[in-house]
């Protein structure tokens, strides 16, 4: 089984109740469009805290994935996006 994706938020560019745009660094695994994430180390994650990776932008181009130690502009959706801040880590949820 592949190592789960983990993203560390570097900067929150904008955020609303359901969507956000952040600069993030991939710290493990391969982050792919469509993956679902939750708070790092949360164990069992409720559906309210899930975050979906909707798009990835690198060097002003949309890409389908990025891996460590890459940094990208990520477009996220989900109720807990509004809780993200600099240094937050989110982990892939299976």
PDB file of N, CA and C in Angstrom:
ATOM      1  N   UNK A   1       0.851  -1.190   0.000  1.00  0.00           N
ATOM      2  CA  UNK A   1       0.000   0.000   0.000  1.00  0.00           C
ATOM      3  C   UNK A   1       0.893   1.249   0.000  1.00  0.00           C
ATOM      4  N   UNK A   2       0.555   2.205  -0.811  1.00  0.00           N
ATOM      5  CA  UNK A   2       1.324   3.438  -0.931  1.00  0.00           C
ATOM      6  C   UNK A   2       1.183   4.292   0.328  1.00  0.00           C
ATOM      7  N   UNK A   3       2.185   5.108   0.542  1.00  0.00           N
ATOM      8  CA  UNK A   3       2.173   6.020   1.685  1.00  0.00           C
ATOM      9  C   UNK A   3       1.056   7.048   1.509  1.00  0.00           C
ATOM     10  N   UNK A   4       0.267   7.329   2.556  1.00  0.00           N
ATOM     11  CA  UNK A   4      -0.831   8.292   2.425  1.00  0.00           C
ATOM     12  C   UNK A   4      -0.305   9.706   2.149  1.00  0.00           C
ATOM     13  N   UNK A   5      -1.053  10.450   1.383  1.00  0.00           N
ATOM     14  CA  UNK A   5      -0.694  11.839   1.081  1.00  0.00           C
ATOM     15  C   UNK A   5      -0.907  12.704   2.312  1.00  0.00           C
ATOM     16  N   UNK A   6       0.037  13.620   2.524  1.00  0.00           N
ATOM     17  CA  UNK A   6      -0.098  14.610   3.599  1.00  0.00           C
ATOM     18  C   UNK A   6       0.319  15.961   3.039  1.00  0.00           C
ATOM     19  N   UNK A   7      -0.470  16.973   3.325  1.00  0.00           N
ATOM     20  CA  UNK A   7      -0.176  18.335   2.885  1.00  0.00           C
ATOM     21  C   UNK A   7      -0.025  19.246   4.091  1.00  0.00           C
ATOM     22  N   UNK A   8       0.977  20.113   4.035  1.00  0.00           N
ATOM     23  CA  UNK A   8       1.154  21.125   5.068  1.00  0.00           C
ATOM     24  C   UNK A   8       0.797  22.481   4.452  1.00  0.00           C
ATOM     25  N   UNK A   9      -0.119  23.177   5.082  1.00  0.00           N
ATOM     26  CA  UNK A   9      -0.573  24.473   4.577  1.00  0.00           C
ATOM     27  C   UNK A   9       0.488  25.525   4.883  1.00  0.00           C
ATOM     28  N   UNK A  10       0.922  26.221   3.831  1.00  0.00           N
ATOM     29  CA  UNK A  10       1.907  27.285   3.994  1.00  0.00           C
ATOM     30  C   UNK A  10       1.220  28.639   4.102  1.00  0.00           C
ATOM     31  N   UNK A  11       0.189  28.840   3.269  1.00  0.00           N
ATOM     32  CA  UNK A  11      -0.530  30.109   3.278  1.00  0.00           C
ATOM     33  C   UNK A  11      -1.975  29.873   2.850  1.00  0.00           C
ATOM     34  N   UNK A  12      -2.892  30.520   3.522  1.00  0.00           N
ATOM     35  CA  UNK A  12      -4.306  30.491   3.115  1.00  0.00           C
ATOM     36  C   UNK A  12      -4.557  31.777   2.338  1.00  0.00           C
ATOM     37  N   UNK A  13      -4.785  31.651   1.028  1.00  0.00           N
ATOM     38  CA  UNK A  13      -5.021  32.825   0.184  1.00  0.00           C
ATOM     39  C   UNK A  13      -6.429  33.349   0.375  1.00  0.00           C
ATOM     40  N   UNK A  14      -7.386  32.437   0.374  1.00  0.00           N
ATOM     41  CA  UNK A  14      -8.768  32.824   0.638  1.00  0.00           C
ATOM     42  C   UNK A  14      -9.539  31.593   1.102  1.00  0.00           C
ATOM     43  N   UNK A  15     -10.555  31.870   1.888  1.00  0.00           N
ATOM     44  CA  UNK A  15     -11.344  30.772   2.424  1.00  0.00           C
ATOM     45  C   UNK A  15     -12.749  31.264   2.719  1.00  0.00           C
ATOM     46  N   UNK A  16     -13.709  30.380   2.512  1.00  0.00           N
ATOM     47  CA  UNK A  16     -15.104  30.692   2.807  1.00  0.00           C
ATOM     48  C   UNK A  16     -15.673  29.504   3.576  1.00  0.00           C
ATOM     49  N   UNK A  17     -16.964  29.446   3.676  1.00  0.00           N
ATOM     50  CA  UNK A  17     -17.611  28.356   4.410  1.00  0.00           C
ATOM     51  C   UNK A  17     -17.332  26.989   3.799  1.00  0.00           C
ATOM     52  N   UNK A  18     -17.215  26.904   2.476  1.00  0.00           N
ATOM     53  CA  UNK A  18     -17.089  25.605   1.809  1.00  0.00           C
ATOM     54  C   UNK A  18     -15.869  25.457   0.909  1.00  0.00           C
ATOM     55  N   UNK A  19     -15.143  26.553   0.623  1.00  0.00           N
ATOM     56  CA  UNK A  19     -14.032  26.480  -0.320  1.00  0.00           C
ATOM     57  C   UNK A  19     -12.842  27.283   0.170  1.00  0.00           C
ATOM     58  N   UNK A  20     -11.664  26.891  -0.321  1.00  0.00           N
ATOM     59  CA  UNK A  20     -10.471  27.634   0.018  1.00  0.00           C
ATOM     60  C   UNK A  20      -9.387  27.440  -1.023  1.00  0.00           C
ATOM     61  N   UNK A  21      -8.499  28.420  -1.088  1.00  0.00           N
ATOM     62  CA  UNK A  21      -7.327  28.350  -1.952  1.00  0.00           C
ATOM     63  C   UNK A  21      -6.123  28.555  -1.052  1.00  0.00           C
ATOM     64  N   UNK A  22      -5.190  27.602  -1.108  1.00  0.00           N
ATOM     65  CA  UNK A  22      -4.026  27.635  -0.233  1.00  0.00           C
ATOM     66  C   UNK A  22      -2.759  27.305  -1.009  1.00  0.00           C
ATOM     67  N   UNK A  23      -1.633  27.748  -0.477  1.00  0.00           N
ATOM     68  CA  UNK A  23      -0.345  27.256  -0.936  1.00  0.00           C
ATOM     69  C   UNK A  23       0.009  26.140   0.031  1.00  0.00           C
ATOM     70  N   UNK A  24       0.334  24.969  -0.509  1.00  0.00           N
ATOM     71  CA  UNK A  24       0.601  23.813   0.346  1.00  0.00           C
ATOM     72  C   UNK A  24       1.831  23.066  -0.146  1.00  0.00           C
ATOM     73  N   UNK A  25       2.499  22.412   0.793  1.00  0.00           N
ATOM     74  CA  UNK A  25       3.652  21.581   0.483  1.00  0.00           C
ATOM     75  C   UNK A  25       3.258  20.133   0.707  1.00  0.00           C
ATOM     76  N   UNK A  26       3.566  19.271  -0.257  1.00  0.00           N
ATOM     77  CA  UNK A  26       3.314  17.843  -0.095  1.00  0.00           C
ATOM     78  C   UNK A  26       4.441  17.280   0.763  1.00  0.00           C
ATOM     79  N   UNK A  27       4.098  16.709   1.906  1.00  0.00           N
ATOM     80  CA  UNK A  27       5.138  16.192   2.805  1.00  0.00           C
ATOM     81  C   UNK A  27       5.223  14.670   2.802  1.00  0.00           C
ATOM     82  N   UNK A  28       4.259  13.995   2.173  1.00  0.00           N
ATOM     83  CA  UNK A  28       4.373  12.541   1.979  1.00  0.00           C
ATOM     84  C   UNK A  28       3.346  12.088   0.954  1.00  0.00           C
ATOM     85  N   UNK A  29       3.618  10.938   0.354  1.00  0.00           N
ATOM     86  CA  UNK A  29       2.705  10.384  -0.639  1.00  0.00           C
ATOM     87  C   UNK A  29       2.656  11.221  -1.901  1.00  0.00           C
ATOM     88  N   UNK A  30       1.621  11.019  -2.684  1.00  0.00           N
ATOM     89  CA  UNK A  30       1.378  11.788  -3.901  1.00  0.00           C
ATOM     90  C   UNK A  30      -0.019  12.386  -3.782  1.00  0.00           C
ATOM     91  N   UNK A  31      -0.095  13.712  -3.799  1.00  0.00           N
ATOM     92  CA  UNK A  31      -1.390  14.391  -3.710  1.00  0.00           C
ATOM     93  C   UNK A  31      -2.006  14.455  -5.096  1.00  0.00           C
ATOM     94  N   UNK A  32      -3.240  13.990  -5.217  1.00  0.00           N
ATOM     95  CA  UNK A  32      -3.926  13.931  -6.510  1.00  0.00           C
ATOM     96  C   UNK A  32      -5.282  14.626  -6.438  1.00  0.00           C
ATOM     97  N   UNK A  33      -5.654  15.224  -7.551  1.00  0.00           N
ATOM     98  CA  UNK A  33      -6.981  15.850  -7.652  1.00  0.00           C
ATOM     99  C   UNK A  33      -8.033  14.783  -7.347  1.00  0.00           C
ATOM    100  N   UNK A  34      -9.008  15.145  -6.529  1.00  0.00           N
ATOM    101  CA  UNK A  34     -10.087  14.226  -6.170  1.00  0.00           C
ATOM    102  C   UNK A  34      -9.881  13.507  -4.849  1.00  0.00           C
ATOM    103  N   UNK A  35      -8.670  13.561  -4.288  1.00  0.00           N
ATOM    104  CA  UNK A  35      -8.428  12.898  -3.005  1.00  0.00           C
ATOM    105  C   UNK A  35      -9.189  13.603  -1.890  1.00  0.00           C
ATOM    106  N   UNK A  36      -9.485  12.821  -0.867  1.00  0.00           N
ATOM    107  CA  UNK A  36     -10.162  13.340   0.311  1.00  0.00           C
ATOM    108  C   UNK A  36      -9.181  13.352   1.474  1.00  0.00           C
ATOM    109  N   UNK A  37      -9.187  14.458   2.232  1.00  0.00           N
ATOM    110  CA  UNK A  37      -8.271  14.653   3.345  1.00  0.00           C
ATOM    111  C   UNK A  37      -9.048  14.953   4.621  1.00  0.00           C
ATOM    112  N   UNK A  38      -8.389  14.727   5.752  1.00  0.00           N
ATOM    113  CA  UNK A  38      -8.930  15.079   7.057  1.00  0.00           C
ATOM    114  C   UNK A  38      -7.805  15.613   7.916  1.00  0.00           C
ATOM    115  N   UNK A  39      -8.115  16.122   9.101  1.00  0.00           N
ATOM    116  CA  UNK A  39      -7.089  16.631   9.995  1.00  0.00           C
ATOM    117  C   UNK A  39      -6.064  15.539  10.313  1.00  0.00           C
ATOM    118  N   UNK A  40      -4.780  15.887  10.303  1.00  0.00           N
ATOM    119  CA  UNK A  40      -3.718  14.920  10.553  1.00  0.00           C
ATOM    120  C   UNK A  40      -3.822  14.366  11.970  1.00  0.00           C
ATOM    121  N   UNK A  41      -3.717  13.053  12.095  1.00  0.00           N
ATOM    122  CA  UNK A  41      -3.726  12.405  13.404  1.00  0.00           C
ATOM    123  C   UNK A  41      -5.087  12.351  14.066  1.00  0.00           C
ATOM    124  N   UNK A  42      -6.142  12.597  13.319  1.00  0.00           N
ATOM    125  CA  UNK A  42      -7.480  12.632  13.909  1.00  0.00           C
ATOM    126  C   UNK A  42      -8.089  11.248  14.109  1.00  0.00           C
ATOM    127  N   UNK A  43      -7.452  10.207  13.556  1.00  0.00           N
ATOM    128  CA  UNK A  43      -8.024   8.870  13.669  1.00  0.00           C
ATOM    129  C   UNK A  43      -9.315   8.784  12.881  1.00  0.00           C
ATOM    130  N   UNK A  44     -10.384   8.394  13.536  1.00  0.00           N
ATOM    131  CA  UNK A  44     -11.708   8.331  12.890  1.00  0.00           C
ATOM    132  C   UNK A  44     -12.147   9.752  12.560  1.00  0.00           C
ATOM    133  N   UNK A  45     -12.481  10.002  11.295  1.00  0.00           N
ATOM    134  CA  UNK A  45     -12.819  11.354  10.842  1.00  0.00           C
ATOM    135  C   UNK A  45     -14.295  11.415  10.462  1.00  0.00           C
ATOM    136  N   UNK A  46     -15.010  12.417  10.991  1.00  0.00           N
ATOM    137  CA  UNK A  46     -16.417  12.582  10.633  1.00  0.00           C
ATOM    138  C   UNK A  46     -16.520  13.189   9.240  1.00  0.00           C
ATOM    139  N   UNK A  47     -17.630  12.960   8.585  1.00  0.00           N
ATOM    140  CA  UNK A  47     -17.816  13.484   7.229  1.00  0.00           C
ATOM    141  C   UNK A  47     -17.817  15.011   7.214  1.00  0.00           C
ATOM    142  N   UNK A  48     -18.145  15.646   8.345  1.00  0.00           N
ATOM    143  CA  UNK A  48     -18.137  17.111   8.429  1.00  0.00           C
ATOM    144  C   UNK A  48     -16.732  17.686   8.313  1.00  0.00           C
ATOM    145  N   UNK A  49     -15.714  16.908   8.665  1.00  0.00           N
ATOM    146  CA  UNK A  49     -14.351  17.440   8.662  1.00  0.00           C
ATOM    147  C   UNK A  49     -13.565  17.064   7.406  1.00  0.00           C
ATOM    148  N   UNK A  50     -14.217  16.448   6.431  1.00  0.00           N
ATOM    149  CA  UNK A  50     -13.513  16.036   5.216  1.00  0.00           C
ATOM    150  C   UNK A  50     -13.266  17.213   4.276  1.00  0.00           C
ATOM    151  N   UNK A  51     -12.114  17.173   3.614  1.00  0.00           N
ATOM    152  CA  UNK A  51     -11.704  18.201   2.661  1.00  0.00           C
ATOM    153  C   UNK A  51     -11.359  17.507   1.356  1.00  0.00           C
ATOM    154  N   UNK A  52     -11.875  18.003   0.241  1.00  0.00           N
ATOM    155  CA  UNK A  52     -11.592  17.420  -1.072  1.00  0.00           C
ATOM    156  C   UNK A  52     -10.642  18.326  -1.841  1.00  0.00           C
ATOM    157  N   UNK A  53      -9.625  17.724  -2.434  1.00  0.00           N
ATOM    158  CA  UNK A  53      -8.671  18.441  -3.270  1.00  0.00           C
ATOM    159  C   UNK A  53      -9.285  18.558  -4.668  1.00  0.00           C
ATOM    160  N   UNK A  54      -9.755  19.755  -5.020  1.00  0.00           N
ATOM    161  CA  UNK A  54     -10.486  19.979  -6.268  1.00  0.00           C
ATOM    162  C   UNK A  54      -9.575  20.287  -7.453  1.00  0.00           C
ATOM    163  N   UNK A  55      -8.465  20.980  -7.222  1.00  0.00           N
ATOM    164  CA  UNK A  55      -7.545  21.338  -8.304  1.00  0.00           C
ATOM    165  C   UNK A  55      -6.169  21.641  -7.732  1.00  0.00           C
ATOM    166  N   UNK A  56      -5.153  21.464  -8.574  1.00  0.00           N
ATOM    167  CA  UNK A  56      -3.763  21.740  -8.208  1.00  0.00           C
ATOM    168  C   UNK A  56      -3.168  22.619  -9.302  1.00  0.00           C
ATOM    169  N   UNK A  57      -2.508  23.686  -8.886  1.00  0.00           N
ATOM    170  CA  UNK A  57      -1.867  24.587  -9.836  1.00  0.00           C
ATOM    171  C   UNK A  57      -0.382  24.720  -9.488  1.00  0.00           C
ATOM    172  N   UNK A  58       0.479  24.442 -10.490  1.00  0.00           N
ATOM    173  CA  UNK A  58       1.930  24.610 -10.317  1.00  0.00           C
ATOM    174  C   UNK A  58       2.449  25.428 -11.479  1.00  0.00           C
ATOM    175  N   UNK A  59       3.206  26.470 -11.157  1.00  0.00           N
ATOM    176  CA  UNK A  59       3.773  27.340 -12.192  1.00  0.00           C
ATOM    177  C   UNK A  59       2.698  27.805 -13.184  1.00  0.00           C
ATOM    178  N   UNK A  60       1.535  28.162 -12.633  1.00  0.00           N
ATOM    179  CA  UNK A  60       0.383  28.675 -13.394  1.00  0.00           C
ATOM    180  C   UNK A  60      -0.234  27.667 -14.357  1.00  0.00           C
ATOM    181  N   UNK A  61       0.057  26.398 -14.153  1.00  0.00           N
ATOM    182  CA  UNK A  61      -0.531  25.328 -14.960  1.00  0.00           C
ATOM    183  C   UNK A  61      -1.297  24.376 -14.061  1.00  0.00           C
ATOM    184  N   UNK A  62      -2.460  23.932 -14.512  1.00  0.00           N
ATOM    185  CA  UNK A  62      -3.206  22.926 -13.764  1.00  0.00           C
ATOM    186  C   UNK A  62      -2.544  21.576 -13.976  1.00  0.00           C
ATOM    187  N   UNK A  63      -2.356  20.846 -12.879  1.00  0.00           N
ATOM    188  CA  UNK A  63      -1.773  19.511 -12.934  1.00  0.00           C
ATOM    189  C   UNK A  63      -2.671  18.554 -12.170  1.00  0.00           C
ATOM    190  N   UNK A  64      -2.478  17.250 -12.390  1.00  0.00           N
ATOM    191  CA  UNK A  64      -3.308  16.243 -11.734  1.00  0.00           C
ATOM    192  C   UNK A  64      -2.746  15.779 -10.397  1.00  0.00           C
ATOM    193  N   UNK A  65      -1.438  15.983 -10.171  1.00  0.00           N
ATOM    194  CA  UNK A  65      -0.814  15.514  -8.931  1.00  0.00           C
ATOM    195  C   UNK A  65       0.473  16.279  -8.664  1.00  0.00           C
ATOM    196  N   UNK A  66       0.964  16.175  -7.411  1.00  0.00           N
ATOM    197  CA  UNK A  66       2.306  16.622  -7.065  1.00  0.00           C
ATOM    198  C   UNK A  66       2.784  15.809  -5.873  1.00  0.00           C
ATOM    199  N   UNK A  67       4.108  15.750  -5.707  1.00  0.00           N
ATOM    200  CA  UNK A  67       4.686  14.900  -4.663  1.00  0.00           C
ATOM    201  C   UNK A  67       5.769  15.663  -3.904  1.00  0.00           C
ATOM    202  N   UNK A  68       6.287  15.065  -2.811  1.00  0.00           N
ATOM    203  CA  UNK A  68       7.299  15.741  -2.006  1.00  0.00           C
ATOM    204  C   UNK A  68       8.570  15.991  -2.813  1.00  0.00           C
ATOM    205  N   UNK A  69       9.248  17.041  -2.562  1.00  0.00           N
ATOM    206  CA  UNK A  69       8.954  18.136  -1.627  1.00  0.00           C
ATOM    207  C   UNK A  69       8.218  19.283  -2.300  1.00  0.00           C
ATOM    208  N   UNK A  70       7.415  18.972  -3.311  1.00  0.00           N
ATOM    209  CA  UNK A  70       6.750  19.992  -4.115  1.00  0.00           C
ATOM    210  C   UNK A  70       5.786  20.874  -3.358  1.00  0.00           C
ATOM    211  N   UNK A  71       5.653  22.091  -3.874  1.00  0.00           N
ATOM    212  CA  UNK A  71       4.704  23.064  -3.355  1.00  0.00           C
ATOM    213  C   UNK A  71       3.767  23.435  -4.490  1.00  0.00           C
ATOM    214  N   UNK A  72       2.502  23.664  -4.174  1.00  0.00           N
ATOM    215  CA  UNK A  72       1.522  24.007  -5.196  1.00  0.00           C
ATOM    216  C   UNK A  72       0.419  24.863  -4.590  1.00  0.00           C
ATOM    217  N   UNK A  73      -0.295  25.510  -5.469  1.00  0.00           N
ATOM    218  CA  UNK A  73      -1.516  26.219  -5.082  1.00  0.00           C
ATOM    219  C   UNK A  73      -2.626  25.187  -5.187  1.00  0.00           C
ATOM    220  N   UNK A  74      -3.339  24.959  -4.095  1.00  0.00           N
ATOM    221  CA  UNK A  74      -4.375  23.929  -4.076  1.00  0.00           C
ATOM    222  C   UNK A  74      -5.742  24.561  -3.828  1.00  0.00           C
ATOM    223  N   UNK A  75      -6.734  23.999  -4.498  1.00  0.00           N
ATOM    224  CA  UNK A  75      -8.109  24.456  -4.386  1.00  0.00           C
ATOM    225  C   UNK A  75      -8.868  23.361  -3.645  1.00  0.00           C
ATOM    226  N   UNK A  76      -9.411  23.713  -2.482  1.00  0.00           N
ATOM    227  CA  UNK A  76     -10.017  22.743  -1.579  1.00  0.00           C
ATOM    228  C   UNK A  76     -11.490  23.045  -1.370  1.00  0.00           C
ATOM    229  N   UNK A  77     -12.261  21.999  -1.046  1.00  0.00           N
ATOM    230  CA  UNK A  77     -13.666  22.208  -0.682  1.00  0.00           C
ATOM    231  C   UNK A  77     -14.008  21.324   0.508  1.00  0.00           C
ATOM    232  N   UNK A  78     -14.976  21.774   1.274  1.00  0.00           N
ATOM    233  CA  UNK A  78     -15.427  21.039   2.458  1.00  0.00           C
ATOM    234  C   UNK A  78     -15.656  21.985   3.621  1.00  0.00           C
ATOM    235  N   UNK A  79     -16.471  21.544   4.558  1.00  0.00           N
ATOM    236  CA  UNK A  79     -16.841  22.396   5.693  1.00  0.00           C
ATOM    237  C   UNK A  79     -15.667  22.814   6.562  1.00  0.00           C
ATOM    238  N   UNK A  80     -14.646  21.979   6.690  1.00  0.00           N
ATOM    239  CA  UNK A  80     -13.544  22.315   7.595  1.00  0.00           C
ATOM    240  C   UNK A  80     -12.424  23.113   6.941  1.00  0.00           C
ATOM    241  N   UNK A  81     -12.596  23.499   5.670  1.00  0.00           N
ATOM    242  CA  UNK A  81     -11.589  24.341   5.005  1.00  0.00           C
ATOM    243  C   UNK A  81     -11.388  25.639   5.782  1.00  0.00           C
ATOM    244  N   UNK A  82     -12.455  26.180   6.327  1.00  0.00           N
ATOM    245  CA  UNK A  82     -12.372  27.453   7.054  1.00  0.00           C
ATOM    246  C   UNK A  82     -11.483  27.371   8.299  1.00  0.00           C
ATOM    247  N   UNK A  83     -11.211  26.158   8.789  1.00  0.00           N
ATOM    248  CA  UNK A  83     -10.374  25.987   9.980  1.00  0.00           C
ATOM    249  C   UNK A  83      -8.881  25.894   9.653  1.00  0.00           C
ATOM    250  N   UNK A  84      -8.525  25.824   8.378  1.00  0.00           N
ATOM    251  CA  UNK A  84      -7.116  25.701   8.008  1.00  0.00           C
ATOM    252  C   UNK A  84      -6.372  27.007   8.231  1.00  0.00           C
ATOM    253  N   UNK A  85      -5.118  26.881   8.657  1.00  0.00           N
ATOM    254  CA  UNK A  85      -4.254  28.045   8.848  1.00  0.00           C
ATOM    255  C   UNK A  85      -2.818  27.618   8.570  1.00  0.00           C
ATOM    256  N   UNK A  86      -1.921  28.577   8.547  1.00  0.00           N
ATOM    257  CA  UNK A  86      -0.508  28.291   8.289  1.00  0.00           C
ATOM    258  C   UNK A  86      -0.016  27.216   9.260  1.00  0.00           C
ATOM    259  N   UNK A  87       0.592  26.159   8.707  1.00  0.00           N
ATOM    260  CA  UNK A  87       1.135  25.091   9.525  1.00  0.00           C
ATOM    261  C   UNK A  87       0.192  23.902   9.696  1.00  0.00           C
ATOM    262  N   UNK A  88      -1.089  24.075   9.347  1.00  0.00           N
ATOM    263  CA  UNK A  88      -2.030  22.950   9.444  1.00  0.00           C
ATOM    264  C   UNK A  88      -1.559  21.815   8.541  1.00  0.00           C
ATOM    265  N   UNK A  89      -1.756  20.588   9.004  1.00  0.00           N
ATOM    266  CA  UNK A  89      -1.419  19.410   8.203  1.00  0.00           C
ATOM    267  C   UNK A  89      -2.697  18.599   8.010  1.00  0.00           C
ATOM    268  N   UNK A  90      -2.944  18.242   6.750  1.00  0.00           N
ATOM    269  CA  UNK A  90      -4.088  17.387   6.445  1.00  0.00           C
ATOM    270  C   UNK A  90      -3.581  16.104   5.817  1.00  0.00           C
ATOM    271  N   UNK A  91      -4.235  14.989   6.132  1.00  0.00           N
ATOM    272  CA  UNK A  91      -3.820  13.674   5.670  1.00  0.00           C
ATOM    273  C   UNK A  91      -4.925  13.016   4.848  1.00  0.00           C
ATOM    274  N   UNK A  92      -4.496  12.249   3.863  1.00  0.00           N
ATOM    275  CA  UNK A  92      -5.441  11.512   3.019  1.00  0.00           C
ATOM    276  C   UNK A  92      -6.285  10.566   3.860  1.00  0.00           C
ATOM    277  N   UNK A  93      -7.575  10.506   3.546  1.00  0.00           N
ATOM    278  CA  UNK A  93      -8.515   9.618   4.213  1.00  0.00           C
ATOM    279  C   UNK A  93      -8.962   8.593   3.188  1.00  0.00           C
ATOM    280  N   UNK A  94      -8.902   7.335   3.556  1.00  0.00           N
ATOM    281  CA  UNK A  94      -9.314   6.268   2.624  1.00  0.00           C
ATOM    282  C   UNK A  94     -10.762   5.920   2.808  1.00  0.00           C
TER     283      UNK A  94
END
